[in-house]
Amino acid sequence: MVKGFALIPKRPDLSTEQFHTHWREIHAPLACKIKALERYVQAHRFADVPGVPTSPFEGLAEIWFDNLDIGFALGANPDYVNGAYPDEVNFIAKTGPSFLMTTENVVVPGPVISTTTPGVKSLFLLKRKPGLSVEAFQDHWKRVHAPLVPTTPGLRRYVQCHVAPESYERATPAFDGIAELSWPDMNAFHEGWNSSQMQIEQIQNDVPNFIDLQNSVALLAEEHRVIWP
């Protein structure tokens, strides 16, 4: 399977509560009518990640497809065009969502997660370092950076979502990848985020080698698992 992300900016005239309520209670049932979706998770933002530029997105929709062709064709899928799409103007900014099609590199699988398993997810939307090719960025992230992460205290799951190379043939993606770090709770997040393994070994010593920190953003989110195995 491949994993798509819809990066969703809030309609400015809505309150944060109105946005999240509409997305969860009204939009989710419409998205469930898209038969091409294998899984569907809403990542609802509730805080920023300290020290990282603030995300302009109020949430991320995580959507799994059987293959890239189905994912790229979502915009013309009648289930989407006649259902979820017309509802987007009711809670999403006029600019609309940005879409990324990715492949997952699961570094820390973690325990089995059910529809109702609680937890916190930190999502990092990454831009590659200027002058670095997509291939070099992905290679460094997989081979050099990934082995540094599993020792982070409190970390439950770590997934690298690499933007599919085919995406660059269509248009320049908003970001080059999304890092998902999952934690049992906020105490675990703070323990991991403030640890020397995170701040020194990963961020200080390695991140500048392949990531453009000034143009990367992050958010803390709570998952609402709508379609989940």
C-alpha atoms as a PDB file:
ATOM      1  CA  MET A   1       0.000   0.000   0.000  1.00  0.00           C
ATOM      2  CA  VAL A   2       0.927   3.660  -0.378  1.00  0.00           C
ATOM      3  CA  LYS A   3       0.083   6.418   2.052  1.00  0.00           C
ATOM      4  CA  GLY A   4      -1.303   9.802   1.125  1.00  0.00           C
ATOM      5  CA  PHE A   5      -1.461  12.908   3.277  1.00  0.00           C
ATOM      6  CA  ALA A   6      -3.865  15.823   2.969  1.00  0.00           C
ATOM      7  CA  LEU A   7      -2.345  18.838   4.732  1.00  0.00           C
ATOM      8  CA  ILE A   8      -5.343  20.813   5.934  1.00  0.00           C
ATOM      9  CA  PRO A   9      -5.435  24.551   6.776  1.00  0.00           C
ATOM     10  CA  LYS A  10      -8.354  25.753   8.901  1.00  0.00           C
ATOM     11  CA  ARG A  11     -10.928  28.131   7.435  1.00  0.00           C
ATOM     12  CA  PRO A  12      -9.989  31.381   9.203  1.00  0.00           C
ATOM     13  CA  ASP A  13     -13.516  32.367  10.236  1.00  0.00           C
ATOM     14  CA  LEU A  14     -13.999  29.130  12.179  1.00  0.00           C
ATOM     15  CA  SER A  15     -12.845  28.513  15.714  1.00  0.00           C
ATOM     16  CA  THR A  16     -10.433  25.680  16.349  1.00  0.00           C
ATOM     17  CA  GLU A  17     -13.211  23.743  18.066  1.00  0.00           C
ATOM     18  CA  GLN A  18     -15.581  24.245  15.107  1.00  0.00           C
ATOM     19  CA  PHE A  19     -12.943  23.007  12.672  1.00  0.00           C
ATOM     20  CA  HIS A  20     -12.159  19.828  14.574  1.00  0.00           C
ATOM     21  CA  THR A  21     -15.788  19.047  15.341  1.00  0.00           C
ATOM     22  CA  HIS A  22     -16.814  19.420  11.684  1.00  0.00           C
ATOM     23  CA  TRP A  23     -13.879  17.356  10.447  1.00  0.00           C
ATOM     24  CA  ARG A  24     -14.534  14.567  12.944  1.00  0.00           C
ATOM     25  CA  GLU A  25     -18.327  14.406  12.964  1.00  0.00           C
ATOM     26  CA  ILE A  26     -19.457  15.598   9.525  1.00  0.00           C
ATOM     27  CA  HIS A  27     -16.570  15.114   7.110  1.00  0.00           C
ATOM     28  CA  ALA A  28     -15.344  11.721   8.325  1.00  0.00           C
ATOM     29  CA  PRO A  29     -18.569   9.878   7.356  1.00  0.00           C
ATOM     30  CA  LEU A  30     -18.346  11.398   3.862  1.00  0.00           C
ATOM     31  CA  ALA A  31     -14.751  10.244   3.462  1.00  0.00           C
ATOM     32  CA  CYS A  32     -15.787   6.743   4.520  1.00  0.00           C
ATOM     33  CA  LYS A  33     -17.852   6.535   1.327  1.00  0.00           C
ATOM     34  CA  ILE A  34     -14.663   6.594  -0.780  1.00  0.00           C
ATOM     35  CA  LYS A  35     -14.310   2.906  -1.543  1.00  0.00           C
ATOM     36  CA  ALA A  36     -10.701   3.299  -2.688  1.00  0.00           C
ATOM     37  CA  LEU A  37      -9.542   4.076   0.860  1.00  0.00           C
ATOM     38  CA  GLU A  38      -7.897   1.143   2.620  1.00  0.00           C
ATOM     39  CA  ARG A  39      -7.366   3.121   5.842  1.00  0.00           C
ATOM     40  CA  TYR A  40      -8.245   6.634   6.960  1.00  0.00           C
ATOM     41  CA  VAL A  41      -6.888   8.476  10.002  1.00  0.00           C
ATOM     42  CA  GLN A  42      -7.417  12.086  11.045  1.00  0.00           C
ATOM     43  CA  ALA A  43      -4.478  13.641  12.916  1.00  0.00           C
ATOM     44  CA  HIS A  44      -6.002  16.511  14.907  1.00  0.00           C
ATOM     45  CA  ARG A  45      -3.486  19.166  15.928  1.00  0.00           C
ATOM     46  CA  PHE A  46      -3.571  20.258  19.574  1.00  0.00           C
ATOM     47  CA  ALA A  47      -0.116  21.829  20.141  1.00  0.00           C
ATOM     48  CA  ASP A  48       3.155  22.879  18.535  1.00  0.00           C
ATOM     49  CA  VAL A  49       6.491  21.095  18.834  1.00  0.00           C
ATOM     50  CA  PRO A  50       8.919  23.233  20.861  1.00  0.00           C
ATOM     51  CA  GLY A  51      11.754  24.713  18.842  1.00  0.00           C
ATOM     52  CA  VAL A  52      10.308  23.819  15.417  1.00  0.00           C
ATOM     53  CA  PRO A  53       8.507  26.303  13.120  1.00  0.00           C
ATOM     54  CA  THR A  54       4.736  26.271  13.643  1.00  0.00           C
ATOM     55  CA  SER A  55       2.699  24.286  11.151  1.00  0.00           C
ATOM     56  CA  PRO A  56       0.177  26.265   9.070  1.00  0.00           C
ATOM     57  CA  PHE A  57      -2.009  23.150   9.023  1.00  0.00           C
ATOM     58  CA  GLU A  58      -4.652  22.402  11.640  1.00  0.00           C
ATOM     59  CA  GLY A  59      -4.577  18.718  10.829  1.00  0.00           C
ATOM     60  CA  LEU A  60      -3.394  15.992   8.496  1.00  0.00           C
ATOM     61  CA  ALA A  61      -5.587  13.363   6.883  1.00  0.00           C
ATOM     62  CA  GLU A  62      -3.701  10.091   6.468  1.00  0.00           C
ATOM     63  CA  ILE A  63      -5.155   7.936   3.696  1.00  0.00           C
ATOM     64  CA  TRP A  64      -3.929   4.578   2.426  1.00  0.00           C
ATOM     65  CA  PHE A  65      -4.417   3.274  -1.110  1.00  0.00           C
ATOM     66  CA  ASP A  66      -3.673  -0.031  -2.767  1.00  0.00           C
ATOM     67  CA  ASN A  67      -1.270   1.630  -5.214  1.00  0.00           C
ATOM     68  CA  LEU A  68       0.007   5.003  -6.446  1.00  0.00           C
ATOM     69  CA  ASP A  69      -2.259   5.154  -9.493  1.00  0.00           C
ATOM     70  CA  ILE A  70      -5.355   4.953  -7.293  1.00  0.00           C
ATOM     71  CA  GLY A  71      -3.968   7.627  -4.996  1.00  0.00           C
ATOM     72  CA  PHE A  72      -3.100  10.028  -7.798  1.00  0.00           C
ATOM     73  CA  ALA A  73      -6.574   9.525  -9.278  1.00  0.00           C
ATOM     74  CA  LEU A  74      -8.401  10.502  -6.072  1.00  0.00           C
ATOM     75  CA  GLY A  75      -9.233  13.986  -7.388  1.00  0.00           C
ATOM     76  CA  ALA A  76     -11.339  12.428 -10.170  1.00  0.00           C
ATOM     77  CA  ASN A  77     -12.818   9.627  -8.073  1.00  0.00           C
ATOM     78  CA  PRO A  78     -16.648  10.035  -8.105  1.00  0.00           C
ATOM     79  CA  ASP A  79     -16.905   8.929  -4.475  1.00  0.00           C
ATOM     80  CA  TYR A  80     -14.693  11.898  -3.549  1.00  0.00           C
ATOM     81  CA  VAL A  81     -16.014  14.392  -6.101  1.00  0.00           C
ATOM     82  CA  ASN A  82     -19.647  13.843  -5.097  1.00  0.00           C
ATOM     83  CA  GLY A  83     -19.123  13.456  -1.357  1.00  0.00           C
ATOM     84  CA  ALA A  84     -16.147  14.654   0.675  1.00  0.00           C
ATOM     85  CA  TYR A  85     -14.921  17.257  -1.820  1.00  0.00           C
ATOM     86  CA  PRO A  86     -17.980  19.586  -1.745  1.00  0.00           C
ATOM     87  CA  ASP A  87     -17.816  19.603   2.047  1.00  0.00           C
ATOM     88  CA  GLU A  88     -14.217  20.856   2.200  1.00  0.00           C
ATOM     89  CA  VAL A  89     -15.246  24.511   1.805  1.00  0.00           C
ATOM     90  CA  ASN A  90     -17.223  24.222   5.035  1.00  0.00           C
ATOM     91  CA  PHE A  91     -14.129  23.910   7.207  1.00  0.00           C
ATOM     92  CA  ILE A  92     -10.965  24.167   5.068  1.00  0.00           C
ATOM     93  CA  ALA A  93      -9.330  27.443   3.964  1.00  0.00           C
ATOM     94  CA  LYS A  94      -9.858  28.608   0.374  1.00  0.00           C
ATOM     95  CA  THR A  95      -6.360  27.508  -0.578  1.00  0.00           C
ATOM     96  CA  GLY A  96      -7.572  23.953  -0.001  1.00  0.00           C
ATOM     97  CA  PRO A  97      -5.533  21.005   1.224  1.00  0.00           C
ATOM     98  CA  SER A  98      -2.091  20.129  -0.103  1.00  0.00           C
ATOM     99  CA  PHE A  99      -1.539  16.478  -0.991  1.00  0.00           C
ATOM    100  CA  LEU A 100       1.514  14.242  -0.653  1.00  0.00           C
ATOM    101  CA  MET A 101       1.807  10.658  -1.875  1.00  0.00           C
ATOM    102  CA  THR A 102       4.346   8.671   0.113  1.00  0.00           C
ATOM    103  CA  THR A 103       5.799   5.255   0.806  1.00  0.00           C
ATOM    104  CA  GLU A 104       6.347   4.180   4.405  1.00  0.00           C
ATOM    105  CA  ASN A 105       9.654   3.107   5.940  1.00  0.00           C
ATOM    106  CA  VAL A 106       8.661   1.674   9.324  1.00  0.00           C
ATOM    107  CA  VAL A 107      11.731   1.940  11.566  1.00  0.00           C
ATOM    108  CA  VAL A 108      10.121   1.230  14.951  1.00  0.00           C
ATOM    109  CA  PRO A 109       6.909  -0.812  14.434  1.00  0.00           C
ATOM    110  CA  GLY A 110       5.742  -0.583  18.036  1.00  0.00           C
ATOM    111  CA  PRO A 111       2.856  -2.585  19.530  1.00  0.00           C
ATOM    112  CA  VAL A 112      -0.399  -3.414  17.773  1.00  0.00           C
ATOM    113  CA  ILE A 113      -2.690  -0.359  17.839  1.00  0.00           C
ATOM    114  CA  SER A 114      -6.469  -0.620  17.897  1.00  0.00           C
ATOM    115  CA  THR A 115      -9.006   1.979  16.812  1.00  0.00           C
ATOM    116  CA  THR A 116      -9.202   3.374  20.355  1.00  0.00           C
ATOM    117  CA  THR A 117      -5.573   3.078  21.539  1.00  0.00           C
ATOM    118  CA  PRO A 118      -4.683   6.437  23.138  1.00  0.00           C
ATOM    119  CA  GLY A 119      -1.489   8.284  22.383  1.00  0.00           C
ATOM    120  CA  VAL A 120       0.232  11.345  20.977  1.00  0.00           C
ATOM    121  CA  LYS A 121       1.833  11.714  17.557  1.00  0.00           C
ATOM    122  CA  SER A 122       4.469  14.288  16.627  1.00  0.00           C
ATOM    123  CA  LEU A 123       4.474  14.939  12.879  1.00  0.00           C
ATOM    124  CA  PHE A 124       7.437  16.601  11.185  1.00  0.00           C
ATOM    125  CA  LEU A 125       6.868  17.913   7.648  1.00  0.00           C
ATOM    126  CA  LEU A 126      10.350  17.958   6.178  1.00  0.00           C
ATOM    127  CA  LYS A 127      12.019  19.941   3.407  1.00  0.00           C
ATOM    128  CA  ARG A 128      15.333  18.632   2.184  1.00  0.00           C
ATOM    129  CA  LYS A 129      18.504  20.700   2.527  1.00  0.00           C
ATOM    130  CA  PRO A 130      19.024  23.113  -0.416  1.00  0.00           C
ATOM    131  CA  GLY A 131      21.206  21.565  -3.093  1.00  0.00           C
ATOM    132  CA  LEU A 132      20.505  18.024  -1.926  1.00  0.00           C
ATOM    133  CA  SER A 133      18.830  15.720  -4.435  1.00  0.00           C
ATOM    134  CA  VAL A 134      15.697  13.781  -3.554  1.00  0.00           C
ATOM    135  CA  GLU A 135      17.659  10.537  -3.828  1.00  0.00           C
ATOM    136  CA  ALA A 136      20.412  11.764  -1.497  1.00  0.00           C
ATOM    137  CA  PHE A 137      17.859  13.081   1.003  1.00  0.00           C
ATOM    138  CA  GLN A 138      15.969   9.790   1.137  1.00  0.00           C
ATOM    139  CA  ASP A 139      19.154   7.729   1.310  1.00  0.00           C
ATOM    140  CA  HIS A 140      20.560   9.733   4.231  1.00  0.00           C
ATOM    141  CA  TRP A 141      17.239   9.661   6.070  1.00  0.00           C
ATOM    142  CA  LYS A 142      16.983   5.865   5.717  1.00  0.00           C
ATOM    143  CA  ARG A 143      20.593   4.769   6.168  1.00  0.00           C
ATOM    144  CA  VAL A 144      22.135   7.384   8.478  1.00  0.00           C
ATOM    145  CA  HIS A 145      19.347   9.037  10.448  1.00  0.00           C
ATOM    146  CA  ALA A 146      16.962   6.129  11.012  1.00  0.00           C
ATOM    147  CA  PRO A 147      19.381   4.116  13.214  1.00  0.00           C
ATOM    148  CA  LEU A 148      19.731   7.110  15.572  1.00  0.00           C
ATOM    149  CA  VAL A 149      16.042   7.260  16.463  1.00  0.00           C
ATOM    150  CA  PRO A 150      15.112   3.919  18.141  1.00  0.00           C
ATOM    151  CA  THR A 151      17.114   4.747  21.302  1.00  0.00           C
ATOM    152  CA  THR A 152      14.896   7.791  22.012  1.00  0.00           C
ATOM    153  CA  PRO A 153      13.328   7.385  25.492  1.00  0.00           C
ATOM    154  CA  GLY A 154       9.573   6.823  25.536  1.00  0.00           C
ATOM    155  CA  LEU A 155       9.207   6.381  21.766  1.00  0.00           C
ATOM    156  CA  ARG A 156       6.469   3.914  20.806  1.00  0.00           C
ATOM    157  CA  ARG A 157       6.585   3.985  16.980  1.00  0.00           C
ATOM    158  CA  TYR A 158       8.648   5.702  14.272  1.00  0.00           C
ATOM    159  CA  VAL A 159       7.743   5.859  10.586  1.00  0.00           C
ATOM    160  CA  GLN A 160       9.427   7.713   7.738  1.00  0.00           C
ATOM    161  CA  CYS A 161       7.024   8.675   4.936  1.00  0.00           C
ATOM    162  CA  HIS A 162       9.062   9.369   1.798  1.00  0.00           C
ATOM    163  CA  VAL A 163       7.361  11.337  -0.963  1.00  0.00           C
ATOM    164  CA  ALA A 164       7.032   9.029  -3.954  1.00  0.00           C
ATOM    165  CA  PRO A 165       9.531   9.849  -6.746  1.00  0.00           C
ATOM    166  CA  GLU A 166       6.662   9.892  -9.242  1.00  0.00           C
ATOM    167  CA  SER A 167       5.262  12.966  -7.449  1.00  0.00           C
ATOM    168  CA  TYR A 168       8.196  15.090  -8.594  1.00  0.00           C
ATOM    169  CA  GLU A 169       7.332  14.342 -12.211  1.00  0.00           C
ATOM    170  CA  ARG A 170       3.961  16.060 -11.692  1.00  0.00           C
ATOM    171  CA  ALA A 171       4.829  19.101  -9.565  1.00  0.00           C
ATOM    172  CA  THR A 172       7.138  20.152  -6.752  1.00  0.00           C
ATOM    173  CA  PRO A 173       5.666  18.730  -3.526  1.00  0.00           C
ATOM    174  CA  ALA A 174       5.130  21.034  -0.557  1.00  0.00           C
ATOM    175  CA  PHE A 175       7.476  18.812   1.473  1.00  0.00           C
ATOM    176  CA  ASP A 176       9.877  15.952   0.801  1.00  0.00           C
ATOM    177  CA  GLY A 177       8.807  13.685   3.624  1.00  0.00           C
ATOM    178  CA  ILE A 178       6.901  13.329   6.874  1.00  0.00           C
ATOM    179  CA  ALA A 179       8.368  11.809  10.032  1.00  0.00           C
ATOM    180  CA  GLU A 180       5.850  10.253  12.414  1.00  0.00           C
ATOM    181  CA  LEU A 181       6.936   9.713  16.017  1.00  0.00           C
ATOM    182  CA  SER A 182       4.284   8.197  18.275  1.00  0.00           C
ATOM    183  CA  TRP A 183       4.252   8.324  22.068  1.00  0.00           C
ATOM    184  CA  PRO A 184       1.997   6.785  24.726  1.00  0.00           C
ATOM    185  CA  ASP A 185       1.265  10.214  26.253  1.00  0.00           C
ATOM    186  CA  MET A 186       2.596  13.757  26.648  1.00  0.00           C
ATOM    187  CA  ASN A 187       4.956  12.780  29.464  1.00  0.00           C
ATOM    188  CA  ALA A 188       6.618  10.292  27.135  1.00  0.00           C
ATOM    189  CA  PHE A 189       6.825  12.917  24.381  1.00  0.00           C
ATOM    190  CA  HIS A 190       8.522  15.447  26.665  1.00  0.00           C
ATOM    191  CA  GLU A 191      10.931  12.810  27.951  1.00  0.00           C
ATOM    192  CA  GLY A 192      11.915  11.840  24.428  1.00  0.00           C
ATOM    193  CA  TRP A 193      11.942  15.338  22.945  1.00  0.00           C
ATOM    194  CA  ASN A 194      14.157  16.754  25.694  1.00  0.00           C
ATOM    195  CA  SER A 195      16.556  13.802  25.774  1.00  0.00           C
ATOM    196  CA  SER A 196      20.165  14.037  24.649  1.00  0.00           C
ATOM    197  CA  GLN A 197      19.449  11.277  22.120  1.00  0.00           C
ATOM    198  CA  MET A 198      16.952  13.579  20.417  1.00  0.00           C
ATOM    199  CA  GLN A 199      18.386  17.052  20.892  1.00  0.00           C
ATOM    200  CA  ILE A 200      22.081  16.258  20.419  1.00  0.00           C
ATOM    201  CA  GLU A 201      22.514  12.977  18.533  1.00  0.00           C
ATOM    202  CA  GLN A 202      19.648  13.533  16.104  1.00  0.00           C
ATOM    203  CA  ILE A 203      18.815  17.235  15.819  1.00  0.00           C
ATOM    204  CA  GLN A 204      22.141  18.908  16.548  1.00  0.00           C
ATOM    205  CA  ASN A 205      24.536  16.391  15.024  1.00  0.00           C
ATOM    206  CA  ASP A 206      22.645  14.988  12.048  1.00  0.00           C
ATOM    207  CA  VAL A 207      19.497  16.891  11.035  1.00  0.00           C
ATOM    208  CA  PRO A 208      21.408  19.836   9.462  1.00  0.00           C
ATOM    209  CA  ASN A 209      23.122  17.360   7.122  1.00  0.00           C
ATOM    210  CA  PHE A 210      19.951  16.667   5.145  1.00  0.00           C
ATOM    211  CA  ILE A 211      17.001  18.773   6.382  1.00  0.00           C
ATOM    212  CA  ASP A 212      16.151  22.448   5.851  1.00  0.00           C
ATOM    213  CA  LEU A 213      14.999  23.213   9.386  1.00  0.00           C
ATOM    214  CA  GLN A 214      13.858  26.765   8.623  1.00  0.00           C
ATOM    215  CA  ASN A 215      11.338  25.546   6.070  1.00  0.00           C
ATOM    216  CA  SER A 216      10.229  22.399   7.867  1.00  0.00           C
ATOM    217  CA  VAL A 217       7.291  22.491  10.286  1.00  0.00           C
ATOM    218  CA  ALA A 218       5.813  20.266  12.971  1.00  0.00           C
ATOM    219  CA  LEU A 219       2.729  19.682  15.080  1.00  0.00           C
ATOM    220  CA  LEU A 220       1.499  17.496  17.905  1.00  0.00           C
ATOM    221  CA  ALA A 221      -1.670  15.610  17.066  1.00  0.00           C
ATOM    222  CA  GLU A 222      -4.235  13.222  18.430  1.00  0.00           C
ATOM    223  CA  GLU A 223      -5.300  10.476  16.050  1.00  0.00           C
ATOM    224  CA  HIS A 224      -8.917   9.761  15.178  1.00  0.00           C
ATOM    225  CA  ARG A 225      -8.791   6.385  13.423  1.00  0.00           C
ATOM    226  CA  VAL A 226     -11.822   6.324  11.134  1.00  0.00           C
ATOM    227  CA  ILE A 227     -11.062   3.365   8.844  1.00  0.00           C
ATOM    228  CA  TRP A 228      -8.691   1.044  10.662  1.00  0.00           C
ATOM    229  CA  PRO A 229      -8.066  -2.711  10.342  1.00  0.00           C
END
